[in-house]
Amino acid sequence: MRVAVVYVPAGRPDALASLAKSLVAAFEAAGHRAELFEPGSPLTRLPAFDYVAFGTEAAGLGGKIPPRIKDQLAQAVGLQGKRSFAFVRKSGLRPAKTLSRLMAVMEAEGMYVNDSEILGTDEEAAAAARAAPVERK
């Protein structure tokens, strides 16, 4: 299966990029073709993928997400019904609220979020990728 891993950092991108790279490596180790979309990459190719992992981190302490996420997802036409995985980096005071807001934005674009995680380490990211329901049953 083709898997896209997209991340949109709120602050410094190093920690979130590390989690995204761990997800890509774990998806590839499971036999999938994974591709990493760096911040600012056009998302017009997302509909060509079978599964999309989309992640961010808190923009501030209250669990808000970066406002450019809505704009970036809007440019990827054809995401209706796309199976996906939402992840956030464990940061801020309310990472569960951040995850909830990310999932709401993804679902508003028509994506089907079938898994979600709050990730703190690269090992947690790899374990989440191995457990993600990428294959249809």
Protein backbone atom coordinates (compact mmCIF):
# COMPACT_ATOMS: atom_id res chain seq x y z
CA MET A 1 0.00 0.00 0.00
CA ARG A 2 1.12 3.57 -0.62
CA VAL A 3 1.33 5.62 2.58
CA ALA A 4 1.82 9.38 2.81
CA VAL A 5 3.19 10.91 6.01
CA VAL A 6 2.48 14.63 6.27
CA TYR A 7 3.44 16.89 9.15
CA VAL A 8 2.82 20.57 9.85
CA PRO A 9 4.91 21.97 12.71
CA ALA A 10 3.74 24.83 14.88
CA GLY A 11 7.15 25.85 16.12
CA ARG A 12 10.54 24.31 15.56
CA PRO A 13 10.09 21.39 13.17
CA ASP A 14 12.91 19.11 14.41
CA ALA A 15 10.97 17.06 16.97
CA LEU A 16 7.93 16.57 14.76
CA ALA A 17 10.13 15.74 11.75
CA SER A 18 11.84 13.03 13.78
CA LEU A 19 8.48 11.45 14.64
CA ALA A 20 7.38 11.61 10.99
CA LYS A 21 10.61 9.97 9.81
CA SER A 22 10.12 7.19 12.37
CA LEU A 23 6.62 6.62 11.02
CA VAL A 24 7.95 6.40 7.45
CA ALA A 25 10.65 3.92 8.47
CA ALA A 26 8.15 1.72 10.34
CA PHE A 27 5.64 1.77 7.47
CA GLU A 28 8.41 0.76 5.05
CA ALA A 29 9.59 -1.99 7.41
CA ALA A 30 6.03 -3.34 7.33
CA GLY A 31 6.24 -3.62 3.55
CA HIS A 32 4.44 -0.43 2.50
CA ARG A 33 5.72 2.29 0.19
CA ALA A 34 5.86 5.38 2.38
CA GLU A 35 6.63 8.94 1.35
CA LEU A 36 7.34 11.89 3.62
CA PHE A 37 5.79 15.27 2.79
CA GLU A 38 7.93 18.05 4.25
CA PRO A 39 6.27 21.25 5.56
CA GLY A 40 5.20 23.47 2.70
CA SER A 41 5.09 20.62 0.17
CA PRO A 42 2.06 20.75 -2.10
CA LEU A 43 -0.52 18.18 -1.01
CA THR A 44 -2.16 17.82 -4.41
CA ARG A 45 -0.74 14.27 -4.75
CA LEU A 46 -2.38 12.96 -1.54
CA PRO A 47 -5.39 11.41 -3.29
CA ALA A 48 -3.02 8.99 -5.05
CA PHE A 49 -2.08 7.36 -1.73
CA ASP A 50 -3.99 4.54 -0.06
CA TYR A 51 -3.43 5.80 3.50
CA VAL A 52 -2.46 9.20 4.92
CA ALA A 53 -0.76 9.84 8.26
CA PHE A 54 -1.17 13.52 9.16
CA GLY A 55 0.45 15.12 12.17
CA THR A 56 1.07 18.36 13.95
CA GLU A 57 1.83 19.80 17.36
CA ALA A 58 0.13 22.30 19.64
CA ALA A 59 0.27 25.94 18.61
CA GLY A 60 0.32 27.44 22.09
CA LEU A 61 -0.71 26.01 25.40
CA GLY A 62 -4.46 25.61 24.86
CA GLY A 63 -4.43 22.74 22.38
CA LYS A 64 -4.86 24.81 19.23
CA ILE A 65 -3.54 23.58 15.89
CA PRO A 66 -1.62 25.68 13.35
CA PRO A 67 -4.16 27.59 11.22
CA ARG A 68 -2.41 26.67 7.95
CA ILE A 69 -3.52 23.02 8.32
CA LYS A 70 -7.01 23.85 7.03
CA ASP A 71 -5.53 25.66 4.03
CA GLN A 72 -3.14 22.83 3.20
CA LEU A 73 -5.81 20.14 3.40
CA ALA A 74 -8.15 22.25 1.27
CA GLN A 75 -5.62 22.24 -1.59
CA ALA A 76 -5.65 18.43 -1.73
CA VAL A 77 -8.89 17.83 -3.63
CA GLY A 78 -10.21 14.27 -3.54
CA LEU A 79 -9.65 13.30 0.10
CA GLN A 80 -13.25 12.23 0.66
CA GLY A 81 -13.28 8.75 2.16
CA LYS A 82 -9.47 8.58 2.38
CA ARG A 83 -8.44 6.36 5.30
CA SER A 84 -6.05 8.19 7.59
CA PHE A 85 -4.08 8.31 10.82
CA ALA A 86 -3.93 11.49 12.93
CA PHE A 87 -0.97 12.09 15.23
CA VAL A 88 0.24 14.91 17.42
CA ARG A 89 3.52 15.43 19.22
CA LYS A 90 3.14 15.36 22.98
CA SER A 91 3.60 19.05 23.78
CA GLY A 92 1.65 21.85 25.39
CA LEU A 93 -0.82 21.35 28.20
CA ARG A 94 -3.62 19.63 26.30
CA PRO A 95 -2.33 17.24 23.63
CA ALA A 96 -5.65 15.34 23.60
CA LYS A 97 -7.46 18.56 22.70
CA THR A 98 -4.92 19.20 19.94
CA LEU A 99 -5.53 15.70 18.57
CA SER A 100 -9.29 16.19 18.72
CA ARG A 101 -9.04 19.45 16.76
CA LEU A 102 -6.76 17.88 14.14
CA MET A 103 -9.16 14.99 13.67
CA ALA A 104 -12.09 17.40 13.30
CA VAL A 105 -10.28 19.31 10.53
CA MET A 106 -9.36 16.08 8.74
CA GLU A 107 -12.92 14.77 8.97
CA ALA A 108 -14.30 18.12 7.74
CA GLU A 109 -12.31 17.52 4.54
CA GLY A 110 -13.99 14.12 4.20
CA MET A 111 -11.13 11.96 5.47
CA TYR A 112 -11.94 8.82 7.45
CA VAL A 113 -9.72 8.87 10.55
CA ASN A 114 -9.45 5.24 11.62
CA ASP A 115 -6.56 5.67 14.09
CA SER A 116 -4.99 8.43 16.17
CA GLU A 117 -2.11 8.76 18.62
CA ILE A 118 -0.30 11.22 20.86
CA LEU A 119 3.40 10.54 20.27
CA GLY A 120 6.29 11.52 22.49
CA THR A 121 9.24 9.48 21.22
CA ASP A 122 10.46 7.90 18.01
CA GLU A 123 9.83 4.45 19.50
CA GLU A 124 6.20 5.35 20.17
CA ALA A 125 5.90 6.55 16.57
CA ALA A 126 7.30 3.29 15.22
CA ALA A 127 4.94 1.26 17.41
CA ALA A 128 1.97 3.38 16.28
CA ALA A 129 2.87 2.82 12.62
CA ARG A 130 3.11 -0.94 13.14
CA ALA A 131 -0.31 -0.95 14.85
CA ALA A 132 -2.03 1.36 12.33
CA PRO A 133 -4.78 -0.33 10.31
CA VAL A 134 -3.25 0.43 6.91
CA GLU A 135 -4.52 -2.73 5.23
CA ARG A 136 -8.22 -3.17 4.63
CA LYS A 137 -9.62 -6.21 6.37
